[in-house]
N, C-alpha and C. Protein backbone atom coordinates (compact mmCIF):
# COMPACT_ATOMS: atom_id res chain seq x y z
N MET A 1 -83.75 -11.74 28.57
CA MET A 1 -84.11 -10.77 27.57
C MET A 1 -83.00 -9.72 27.50
N ILE A 2 -82.40 -9.54 26.33
CA ILE A 2 -81.31 -8.60 26.16
C ILE A 2 -81.87 -7.23 25.80
N VAL A 3 -81.42 -6.22 26.54
CA VAL A 3 -81.90 -4.86 26.32
C VAL A 3 -80.91 -4.14 25.42
N ASP A 4 -81.43 -3.50 24.37
CA ASP A 4 -80.60 -2.77 23.43
C ASP A 4 -80.37 -1.36 23.96
N ILE A 5 -79.10 -1.01 24.19
CA ILE A 5 -78.75 0.31 24.71
C ILE A 5 -77.93 1.03 23.65
N PRO A 6 -78.38 2.20 23.22
CA PRO A 6 -77.67 2.94 22.16
C PRO A 6 -76.24 3.29 22.56
N ILE A 7 -75.34 3.24 21.60
CA ILE A 7 -73.92 3.52 21.85
C ILE A 7 -73.71 4.94 22.35
N ARG A 8 -74.48 5.91 21.83
CA ARG A 8 -74.28 7.29 22.28
C ARG A 8 -74.65 7.44 23.75
N PHE A 9 -75.61 6.63 24.24
CA PHE A 9 -75.93 6.68 25.66
C PHE A 9 -74.81 6.05 26.49
N LYS A 10 -74.23 4.96 26.01
CA LYS A 10 -73.12 4.33 26.72
C LYS A 10 -71.96 5.30 26.87
N ILE A 11 -71.66 6.04 25.80
CA ILE A 11 -70.58 7.03 25.84
C ILE A 11 -70.92 8.14 26.82
N TYR A 12 -72.16 8.60 26.78
CA TYR A 12 -72.61 9.65 27.70
C TYR A 12 -72.48 9.21 29.15
N LEU A 13 -72.90 8.01 29.47
CA LEU A 13 -72.81 7.51 30.84
C LEU A 13 -71.36 7.37 31.27
N PHE A 14 -70.49 6.90 30.38
CA PHE A 14 -69.07 6.79 30.69
C PHE A 14 -68.50 8.17 31.02
N TRP A 15 -68.82 9.16 30.18
CA TRP A 15 -68.35 10.52 30.39
C TRP A 15 -68.88 11.08 31.71
N LYS A 16 -70.14 10.86 31.98
CA LYS A 16 -70.77 11.36 33.21
C LYS A 16 -70.13 10.72 34.44
N ASN A 17 -69.81 9.44 34.37
CA ASN A 17 -69.15 8.76 35.48
C ASN A 17 -67.75 9.31 35.74
N LEU A 18 -67.05 9.70 34.69
CA LEU A 18 -65.70 10.26 34.85
C LEU A 18 -65.70 11.56 35.62
N PHE A 19 -66.67 12.41 35.36
CA PHE A 19 -66.67 13.75 35.91
C PHE A 19 -67.65 13.96 37.06
N SER A 20 -68.38 12.94 37.41
CA SER A 20 -69.36 13.06 38.49
C SER A 20 -68.77 12.47 39.77
N LYS A 21 -68.70 13.28 40.78
CA LYS A 21 -68.23 12.82 42.09
C LYS A 21 -69.45 12.44 42.91
N LYS A 22 -69.95 11.26 42.65
CA LYS A 22 -71.17 10.78 43.29
C LYS A 22 -70.80 10.04 44.57
N GLU A 23 -71.43 10.45 45.67
CA GLU A 23 -71.22 9.74 46.93
C GLU A 23 -71.99 8.43 46.89
N ASP A 24 -71.46 7.44 47.57
CA ASP A 24 -72.18 6.17 47.65
C ASP A 24 -73.50 6.38 48.39
N SER A 25 -74.55 5.76 47.87
CA SER A 25 -75.84 5.84 48.53
C SER A 25 -75.74 5.11 49.87
N PRO A 26 -76.51 5.55 50.85
CA PRO A 26 -76.49 4.84 52.12
C PRO A 26 -76.96 3.40 51.93
N HIS A 27 -76.39 2.50 52.69
CA HIS A 27 -76.80 1.11 52.59
C HIS A 27 -78.21 0.95 53.15
N ILE A 28 -78.94 0.06 52.55
CA ILE A 28 -80.28 -0.21 53.03
C ILE A 28 -80.35 -1.66 53.47
N LYS A 29 -81.29 -1.93 54.32
CA LYS A 29 -81.45 -3.28 54.84
C LYS A 29 -82.91 -3.65 54.71
N ILE A 30 -83.16 -4.77 54.05
CA ILE A 30 -84.54 -5.23 53.89
C ILE A 30 -84.76 -6.37 54.87
N THR A 31 -85.68 -6.16 55.82
CA THR A 31 -85.96 -7.18 56.84
C THR A 31 -87.45 -7.26 57.07
N LYS A 32 -87.87 -8.29 57.77
CA LYS A 32 -89.28 -8.42 58.13
C LYS A 32 -89.71 -7.30 59.06
N GLU A 33 -88.79 -6.84 59.91
CA GLU A 33 -89.12 -5.81 60.88
C GLU A 33 -89.02 -4.41 60.29
N GLY A 34 -88.52 -4.29 59.08
CA GLY A 34 -88.32 -2.97 58.47
C GLY A 34 -89.63 -2.24 58.28
N ARG A 35 -89.58 -0.91 58.30
CA ARG A 35 -90.79 -0.09 58.17
C ARG A 35 -91.18 0.10 56.71
N GLY A 36 -90.31 -0.27 55.79
CA GLY A 36 -90.61 -0.02 54.38
C GLY A 36 -90.38 1.44 54.04
N VAL A 37 -90.92 1.87 52.97
CA VAL A 37 -90.74 3.26 52.53
C VAL A 37 -92.03 4.04 52.76
N LYS A 38 -91.91 5.34 52.82
CA LYS A 38 -93.08 6.20 52.97
C LYS A 38 -93.33 7.07 51.74
N SER A 39 -92.31 7.18 50.86
CA SER A 39 -92.49 7.97 49.65
C SER A 39 -91.79 7.28 48.48
N VAL A 40 -92.50 7.21 47.36
CA VAL A 40 -92.01 6.49 46.18
C VAL A 40 -92.27 7.32 44.93
N LEU A 41 -91.25 7.39 44.08
CA LEU A 41 -91.41 7.99 42.76
C LEU A 41 -91.39 6.87 41.73
N PHE A 42 -92.46 6.79 40.93
CA PHE A 42 -92.56 5.79 39.87
C PHE A 42 -92.33 6.47 38.52
N PHE A 43 -91.41 5.92 37.73
CA PHE A 43 -91.21 6.39 36.37
C PHE A 43 -92.10 5.53 35.48
N LEU A 44 -93.11 6.14 34.89
CA LEU A 44 -94.13 5.40 34.14
C LEU A 44 -93.67 5.10 32.71
N PRO A 45 -94.01 3.92 32.22
CA PRO A 45 -93.60 3.54 30.86
C PRO A 45 -94.39 4.27 29.77
N GLU A 46 -93.79 4.32 28.59
CA GLU A 46 -94.42 4.99 27.45
C GLU A 46 -95.28 4.05 26.61
N LYS A 47 -95.15 2.75 26.83
CA LYS A 47 -95.91 1.79 26.03
C LYS A 47 -97.34 1.67 26.57
N LYS A 48 -98.31 1.81 25.67
CA LYS A 48 -99.72 1.80 26.07
C LYS A 48 -100.12 0.48 26.73
N GLU A 49 -99.61 -0.65 26.20
CA GLU A 49 -99.97 -1.95 26.77
C GLU A 49 -99.45 -2.11 28.20
N ASP A 50 -98.29 -1.52 28.50
CA ASP A 50 -97.77 -1.56 29.87
C ASP A 50 -98.58 -0.63 30.79
N ALA A 51 -99.08 0.46 30.23
CA ALA A 51 -99.82 1.46 31.02
C ALA A 51 -101.07 0.86 31.66
N LYS A 52 -101.73 -0.06 30.97
CA LYS A 52 -102.94 -0.69 31.52
C LYS A 52 -102.63 -1.40 32.84
N VAL A 53 -101.52 -2.11 32.86
CA VAL A 53 -101.12 -2.83 34.07
C VAL A 53 -100.65 -1.86 35.13
N ILE A 54 -99.90 -0.86 34.71
CA ILE A 54 -99.32 0.11 35.64
C ILE A 54 -100.41 0.89 36.37
N ASN A 55 -101.46 1.27 35.68
CA ASN A 55 -102.55 2.02 36.32
C ASN A 55 -103.09 1.28 37.54
N TYR A 56 -103.20 -0.02 37.44
CA TYR A 56 -103.66 -0.80 38.58
C TYR A 56 -102.56 -0.90 39.63
N PHE A 57 -101.35 -1.11 39.17
CA PHE A 57 -100.22 -1.33 40.08
C PHE A 57 -99.97 -0.13 41.00
N VAL A 58 -99.89 1.05 40.45
CA VAL A 58 -99.59 2.22 41.29
C VAL A 58 -100.86 2.86 41.84
N LYS A 59 -102.02 2.30 41.49
CA LYS A 59 -103.30 2.74 42.03
C LYS A 59 -103.46 4.26 41.92
N VAL A 60 -103.24 4.77 40.70
CA VAL A 60 -103.31 6.22 40.53
C VAL A 60 -104.70 6.78 40.76
N GLU A 61 -105.75 5.98 40.58
CA GLU A 61 -107.11 6.48 40.83
C GLU A 61 -107.38 6.60 42.33
N ASN A 62 -106.80 5.73 43.11
CA ASN A 62 -106.99 5.72 44.55
C ASN A 62 -105.67 5.33 45.20
N PRO A 63 -104.71 6.28 45.28
CA PRO A 63 -103.39 5.93 45.77
C PRO A 63 -103.40 5.46 47.22
N LEU A 64 -102.39 4.72 47.56
CA LEU A 64 -102.25 4.21 48.91
C LEU A 64 -102.17 5.39 49.88
N SER A 65 -103.05 5.42 50.86
CA SER A 65 -103.22 6.61 51.71
C SER A 65 -102.01 6.93 52.59
N ASP A 66 -101.26 5.94 53.03
CA ASP A 66 -100.15 6.20 53.94
C ASP A 66 -98.83 6.50 53.22
N TYR A 67 -98.87 6.64 51.92
CA TYR A 67 -97.64 6.82 51.15
C TYR A 67 -97.71 8.09 50.31
N GLU A 68 -96.57 8.75 50.18
CA GLU A 68 -96.48 9.87 49.24
C GLU A 68 -96.02 9.28 47.91
N ILE A 69 -96.88 9.37 46.92
CA ILE A 69 -96.59 8.79 45.62
C ILE A 69 -96.31 9.91 44.62
N GLY A 70 -95.23 9.73 43.86
CA GLY A 70 -94.91 10.63 42.77
C GLY A 70 -94.84 9.83 41.48
N LEU A 71 -95.24 10.45 40.39
CA LEU A 71 -95.20 9.80 39.08
C LEU A 71 -94.49 10.73 38.11
N ILE A 72 -93.70 10.13 37.22
CA ILE A 72 -93.07 10.91 36.16
C ILE A 72 -93.26 10.17 34.85
N CYS A 73 -93.61 10.93 33.82
CA CYS A 73 -93.79 10.35 32.50
C CYS A 73 -93.60 11.43 31.44
N SER A 74 -93.48 11.01 30.22
CA SER A 74 -93.37 11.98 29.12
C SER A 74 -94.76 12.52 28.80
N ASP A 75 -94.78 13.70 28.20
CA ASP A 75 -96.07 14.27 27.77
C ASP A 75 -96.78 13.33 26.80
N LYS A 76 -96.01 12.60 26.00
CA LYS A 76 -96.59 11.68 25.01
C LYS A 76 -97.40 10.57 25.67
N SER A 77 -96.95 10.11 26.83
CA SER A 77 -97.63 8.99 27.48
C SER A 77 -98.60 9.42 28.58
N LYS A 78 -98.66 10.70 28.87
CA LYS A 78 -99.53 11.19 29.95
C LYS A 78 -100.99 10.78 29.75
N SER A 79 -101.45 10.73 28.51
CA SER A 79 -102.85 10.37 28.24
C SER A 79 -103.17 8.92 28.64
N PHE A 80 -102.15 8.08 28.81
CA PHE A 80 -102.38 6.70 29.24
C PHE A 80 -102.69 6.62 30.74
N TYR A 81 -102.46 7.71 31.45
CA TYR A 81 -102.64 7.75 32.90
C TYR A 81 -103.62 8.88 33.24
N PRO A 82 -104.90 8.68 33.00
CA PRO A 82 -105.87 9.78 33.11
C PRO A 82 -106.20 10.23 34.53
N HIS A 83 -106.04 9.39 35.52
CA HIS A 83 -106.49 9.72 36.87
C HIS A 83 -105.29 9.95 37.79
N VAL A 84 -104.71 11.14 37.72
CA VAL A 84 -103.51 11.40 38.50
C VAL A 84 -103.67 12.64 39.40
N GLU A 85 -104.87 12.91 39.85
CA GLU A 85 -105.11 14.10 40.67
C GLU A 85 -104.55 13.96 42.08
N ASN A 86 -104.46 12.76 42.61
CA ASN A 86 -104.10 12.56 44.01
C ASN A 86 -102.61 12.31 44.25
N VAL A 87 -101.79 12.52 43.24
CA VAL A 87 -100.36 12.27 43.37
C VAL A 87 -99.58 13.43 42.77
N SER A 88 -98.29 13.50 43.09
CA SER A 88 -97.41 14.48 42.44
C SER A 88 -97.08 13.94 41.07
N LEU A 89 -97.40 14.70 40.03
CA LEU A 89 -97.13 14.27 38.66
C LEU A 89 -96.10 15.20 38.04
N PHE A 90 -95.03 14.60 37.53
CA PHE A 90 -93.98 15.34 36.82
C PHE A 90 -94.00 14.85 35.38
N THR A 91 -93.99 15.79 34.44
CA THR A 91 -93.95 15.41 33.03
C THR A 91 -92.80 16.16 32.35
N TYR A 92 -92.34 15.57 31.28
CA TYR A 92 -91.30 16.20 30.47
C TYR A 92 -91.69 16.03 29.01
N ASN A 93 -91.17 16.93 28.17
CA ASN A 93 -91.43 16.84 26.73
C ASN A 93 -90.10 16.80 25.99
N ASP A 94 -90.15 16.78 24.68
CA ASP A 94 -88.93 16.69 23.88
C ASP A 94 -87.98 17.85 24.13
N ASN A 95 -88.51 19.02 24.46
CA ASN A 95 -87.66 20.18 24.74
C ASN A 95 -86.86 20.01 26.03
N ASP A 96 -87.33 19.14 26.92
CA ASP A 96 -86.63 18.89 28.18
C ASP A 96 -85.52 17.85 28.04
N LEU A 97 -85.38 17.26 26.85
CA LEU A 97 -84.38 16.22 26.63
C LEU A 97 -83.20 16.78 25.85
N ASN A 98 -82.02 16.23 26.14
CA ASN A 98 -80.83 16.64 25.39
C ASN A 98 -80.57 15.66 24.24
N TYR A 99 -79.42 15.79 23.61
CA TYR A 99 -79.04 14.95 22.47
C TYR A 99 -79.06 13.46 22.83
N PHE A 100 -78.78 13.15 24.09
CA PHE A 100 -78.71 11.76 24.53
C PHE A 100 -80.06 11.24 25.04
N ASN A 101 -81.11 12.02 24.86
CA ASN A 101 -82.46 11.68 25.31
C ASN A 101 -82.57 11.56 26.83
N THR A 102 -81.74 12.32 27.53
CA THR A 102 -81.84 12.38 28.99
C THR A 102 -82.39 13.74 29.37
N ILE A 103 -82.97 13.82 30.55
CA ILE A 103 -83.63 15.05 30.99
C ILE A 103 -82.57 16.11 31.31
N LYS A 104 -82.67 17.25 30.62
CA LYS A 104 -81.72 18.34 30.83
C LYS A 104 -82.33 19.49 31.63
N SER A 105 -83.63 19.46 31.83
CA SER A 105 -84.34 20.54 32.51
C SER A 105 -83.95 20.59 33.99
N VAL A 106 -83.17 21.60 34.36
CA VAL A 106 -82.70 21.74 35.74
C VAL A 106 -83.88 22.00 36.67
N SER A 107 -84.86 22.77 36.21
CA SER A 107 -86.01 23.06 37.07
C SER A 107 -86.80 21.79 37.37
N LEU A 108 -86.98 20.92 36.38
CA LEU A 108 -87.68 19.65 36.62
C LEU A 108 -86.88 18.77 37.57
N LEU A 109 -85.58 18.67 37.36
CA LEU A 109 -84.74 17.86 38.24
C LEU A 109 -84.80 18.38 39.68
N ASN A 110 -84.72 19.69 39.85
CA ASN A 110 -84.79 20.27 41.20
C ASN A 110 -86.14 20.05 41.85
N GLU A 111 -87.20 20.14 41.06
CA GLU A 111 -88.56 19.91 41.58
C GLU A 111 -88.69 18.48 42.13
N ILE A 112 -88.07 17.54 41.44
CA ILE A 112 -88.11 16.14 41.88
C ILE A 112 -87.20 15.93 43.09
N LYS A 113 -86.00 16.50 43.04
CA LYS A 113 -85.04 16.32 44.14
C LYS A 113 -85.58 16.86 45.46
N ILE A 114 -86.33 17.95 45.43
CA ILE A 114 -86.88 18.56 46.65
C ILE A 114 -87.77 17.58 47.40
N LYS A 115 -88.45 16.70 46.69
CA LYS A 115 -89.35 15.72 47.32
C LYS A 115 -88.60 14.69 48.16
N ASN A 116 -87.34 14.45 47.83
CA ASN A 116 -86.50 13.54 48.62
C ASN A 116 -87.17 12.17 48.84
N TYR A 117 -87.49 11.50 47.76
CA TYR A 117 -88.19 10.21 47.84
C TYR A 117 -87.33 9.13 48.49
N ASP A 118 -87.97 8.25 49.27
CA ASP A 118 -87.28 7.11 49.88
C ASP A 118 -86.86 6.09 48.83
N ALA A 119 -87.70 5.95 47.80
CA ALA A 119 -87.42 4.95 46.76
C ALA A 119 -87.89 5.49 45.42
N ILE A 120 -87.19 5.06 44.37
CA ILE A 120 -87.62 5.37 43.01
C ILE A 120 -87.65 4.08 42.23
N VAL A 121 -88.70 3.95 41.42
CA VAL A 121 -88.93 2.70 40.70
C VAL A 121 -89.13 3.01 39.22
N ASP A 122 -88.32 2.38 38.38
CA ASP A 122 -88.46 2.52 36.93
C ASP A 122 -89.33 1.38 36.44
N LEU A 123 -90.52 1.69 35.96
CA LEU A 123 -91.45 0.67 35.49
C LEU A 123 -91.33 0.40 34.00
N ASN A 124 -90.34 1.00 33.35
CA ASN A 124 -90.09 0.72 31.94
C ASN A 124 -89.47 -0.67 31.82
N THR A 125 -90.07 -1.50 31.00
CA THR A 125 -89.53 -2.85 30.81
C THR A 125 -88.42 -2.86 29.76
N ASN A 126 -88.35 -1.78 28.96
CA ASN A 126 -87.27 -1.62 27.98
C ASN A 126 -86.40 -0.45 28.43
N PHE A 127 -85.19 -0.39 27.87
CA PHE A 127 -84.27 0.68 28.24
C PHE A 127 -84.87 2.05 27.93
N CYS A 128 -84.73 2.96 28.87
CA CYS A 128 -85.19 4.34 28.70
C CYS A 128 -84.09 5.26 29.22
N ALA A 129 -83.46 6.01 28.32
CA ALA A 129 -82.34 6.88 28.69
C ALA A 129 -82.77 7.93 29.72
N ALA A 130 -83.96 8.48 29.54
CA ALA A 130 -84.44 9.53 30.45
C ALA A 130 -84.54 9.01 31.88
N SER A 131 -85.11 7.84 32.07
CA SER A 131 -85.26 7.31 33.43
C SER A 131 -83.91 6.88 34.00
N SER A 132 -83.07 6.25 33.19
CA SER A 132 -81.78 5.79 33.69
C SER A 132 -80.93 6.93 34.23
N MET A 133 -80.83 8.02 33.47
CA MET A 133 -80.01 9.13 33.94
C MET A 133 -80.69 9.92 35.05
N LEU A 134 -82.00 9.97 35.07
CA LEU A 134 -82.70 10.61 36.18
C LEU A 134 -82.36 9.85 37.47
N PHE A 135 -82.40 8.54 37.41
CA PHE A 135 -82.09 7.73 38.58
C PHE A 135 -80.64 7.88 38.98
N PHE A 136 -79.76 8.07 38.01
CA PHE A 136 -78.35 8.30 38.29
C PHE A 136 -78.18 9.59 39.09
N ASP A 137 -78.97 10.60 38.75
CA ASP A 137 -78.85 11.93 39.38
C ASP A 137 -79.56 12.04 40.73
N LEU A 138 -80.50 11.16 41.02
CA LEU A 138 -81.24 11.24 42.29
C LEU A 138 -80.53 10.43 43.38
N ASP A 139 -80.73 10.86 44.63
CA ASP A 139 -80.02 10.24 45.75
C ASP A 139 -80.89 9.33 46.61
N ALA A 140 -81.92 8.78 46.08
CA ALA A 140 -82.78 7.88 46.86
C ALA A 140 -81.98 6.62 47.26
N PRO A 141 -82.16 6.15 48.50
CA PRO A 141 -81.41 4.96 48.93
C PRO A 141 -81.85 3.67 48.23
N LEU A 142 -83.06 3.65 47.69
CA LEU A 142 -83.56 2.44 47.04
C LEU A 142 -84.01 2.80 45.62
N LYS A 143 -83.34 2.16 44.65
CA LYS A 143 -83.64 2.38 43.23
C LYS A 143 -83.88 1.02 42.60
N ILE A 144 -85.08 0.83 42.06
CA ILE A 144 -85.48 -0.46 41.52
C ILE A 144 -85.85 -0.32 40.05
N GLY A 145 -85.41 -1.28 39.24
CA GLY A 145 -85.77 -1.28 37.83
C GLY A 145 -85.45 -2.62 37.20
N PHE A 146 -85.76 -2.73 35.93
CA PHE A 146 -85.50 -3.98 35.22
C PHE A 146 -84.04 -4.06 34.81
N ASP A 147 -83.53 -5.27 34.74
CA ASP A 147 -82.12 -5.53 34.55
C ASP A 147 -81.62 -5.14 33.16
N SER A 148 -80.47 -4.51 33.13
CA SER A 148 -79.69 -4.28 31.92
C SER A 148 -78.27 -3.99 32.39
N LEU A 149 -77.32 -4.02 31.50
CA LEU A 149 -75.93 -3.76 31.85
C LEU A 149 -75.78 -2.39 32.49
N ILE A 150 -76.45 -1.39 31.93
CA ILE A 150 -76.39 -0.03 32.47
C ILE A 150 -77.12 0.06 33.81
N ASN A 151 -78.31 -0.53 33.88
CA ASN A 151 -79.12 -0.42 35.09
C ASN A 151 -78.47 -1.07 36.30
N ARG A 152 -77.63 -2.06 36.10
CA ARG A 152 -76.92 -2.70 37.21
C ARG A 152 -76.00 -1.71 37.91
N LYS A 153 -75.52 -0.72 37.19
CA LYS A 153 -74.63 0.28 37.77
C LYS A 153 -75.41 1.42 38.43
N ILE A 154 -76.66 1.59 38.06
CA ILE A 154 -77.45 2.72 38.54
C ILE A 154 -78.41 2.33 39.66
N TYR A 155 -79.09 1.20 39.52
CA TYR A 155 -80.12 0.79 40.46
C TYR A 155 -79.54 -0.06 41.58
N THR A 156 -80.16 0.00 42.75
CA THR A 156 -79.73 -0.85 43.85
C THR A 156 -80.29 -2.26 43.71
N ILE A 157 -81.46 -2.38 43.06
CA ILE A 157 -82.07 -3.70 42.82
C ILE A 157 -82.55 -3.74 41.38
N THR A 158 -82.16 -4.79 40.67
CA THR A 158 -82.67 -4.98 39.30
C THR A 158 -83.41 -6.31 39.23
N LEU A 159 -84.47 -6.31 38.45
CA LEU A 159 -85.27 -7.51 38.25
C LEU A 159 -85.04 -8.02 36.84
N GLU A 160 -84.69 -9.29 36.72
CA GLU A 160 -84.47 -9.88 35.40
C GLU A 160 -85.83 -10.22 34.79
N ARG A 161 -86.07 -9.70 33.61
CA ARG A 161 -87.35 -9.91 32.95
C ARG A 161 -87.28 -11.12 32.03
N LYS A 162 -88.18 -12.04 32.22
CA LYS A 162 -88.29 -13.20 31.35
C LYS A 162 -89.42 -12.94 30.37
N GLU A 163 -89.22 -13.31 29.14
CA GLU A 163 -90.17 -12.99 28.06
C GLU A 163 -91.58 -13.53 28.32
N ASN A 164 -91.69 -14.70 28.93
CA ASN A 164 -93.01 -15.31 29.08
C ASN A 164 -93.65 -15.03 30.44
N ALA A 165 -93.04 -14.20 31.26
CA ALA A 165 -93.59 -13.91 32.59
C ALA A 165 -94.56 -12.72 32.52
N PHE A 166 -95.55 -12.74 33.37
CA PHE A 166 -96.53 -11.66 33.43
C PHE A 166 -95.93 -10.45 34.15
N LEU A 167 -96.21 -9.27 33.65
CA LEU A 167 -95.73 -8.03 34.27
C LEU A 167 -96.24 -7.90 35.70
N GLU A 168 -97.47 -8.34 35.94
CA GLU A 168 -98.06 -8.20 37.25
C GLU A 168 -97.21 -8.86 38.34
N SER A 169 -96.58 -9.99 38.02
CA SER A 169 -95.76 -10.67 39.02
C SER A 169 -94.54 -9.85 39.39
N TYR A 170 -93.96 -9.16 38.41
CA TYR A 170 -92.81 -8.29 38.71
C TYR A 170 -93.23 -7.10 39.57
N PHE A 171 -94.38 -6.53 39.26
CA PHE A 171 -94.84 -5.37 39.99
C PHE A 171 -95.21 -5.74 41.43
N SER A 172 -95.73 -6.93 41.63
CA SER A 172 -96.00 -7.40 43.00
C SER A 172 -94.70 -7.56 43.78
N LYS A 173 -93.66 -8.06 43.11
CA LYS A 173 -92.35 -8.18 43.76
C LYS A 173 -91.82 -6.80 44.16
N ILE A 174 -92.00 -5.83 43.28
CA ILE A 174 -91.54 -4.48 43.58
C ILE A 174 -92.25 -3.92 44.81
N LEU A 175 -93.57 -4.09 44.89
CA LEU A 175 -94.31 -3.62 46.07
C LEU A 175 -93.82 -4.31 47.34
N SER A 176 -93.54 -5.59 47.24
CA SER A 176 -93.01 -6.32 48.41
C SER A 176 -91.66 -5.78 48.84
N LEU A 177 -90.79 -5.51 47.87
CA LEU A 177 -89.47 -4.95 48.19
C LEU A 177 -89.59 -3.58 48.86
N LEU A 178 -90.58 -2.82 48.45
CA LEU A 178 -90.78 -1.49 49.02
C LEU A 178 -91.41 -1.55 50.42
N GLY A 179 -91.94 -2.70 50.78
CA GLY A 179 -92.63 -2.81 52.06
C GLY A 179 -94.01 -2.21 52.03
N VAL A 180 -94.56 -2.04 50.82
CA VAL A 180 -95.89 -1.46 50.66
C VAL A 180 -96.93 -2.54 50.91
N LYS A 181 -97.85 -2.22 51.76
CA LYS A 181 -98.94 -3.17 52.06
C LYS A 181 -100.12 -2.82 51.18
N PHE A 182 -100.59 -3.82 50.44
CA PHE A 182 -101.72 -3.58 49.53
C PHE A 182 -102.78 -4.63 49.69
């Protein structure tokens, strides 16, 4: 499945790479003996049909007790996720986005960075400029999302989406990669 990425975003990412002195993320090792992660930030999709699956996947009504779960979504899609009392919820609106549709709100970015998540997961199945650049700016050692030319440069693990595959199977793979027991 080919993901359409706007040219203005490609230019923005190129410019950001030129002037950003980003240190390499620490290497991670996935093993049977590994402890997995203890804190995860999920970037929630804006599509209503994906939200139905995601609500079950991240268990927002009854989050996993041994994990610190964070969720981020746009104000437009917040209504798709009604039960978010037990997790850290970050939202952004159109005023928080710049010309390139990436998050420009320094206070929101700092609020997320303070949490220092072990892993961040982009659950958008289509390209999302806001999530891609947020992941670029965060220093989590494990960044997981769906495959695209841009995401290969930003995420540590990308999943190739096949048109006829069920979303649930991808989300189960993500939980396995995180070492989350469900």
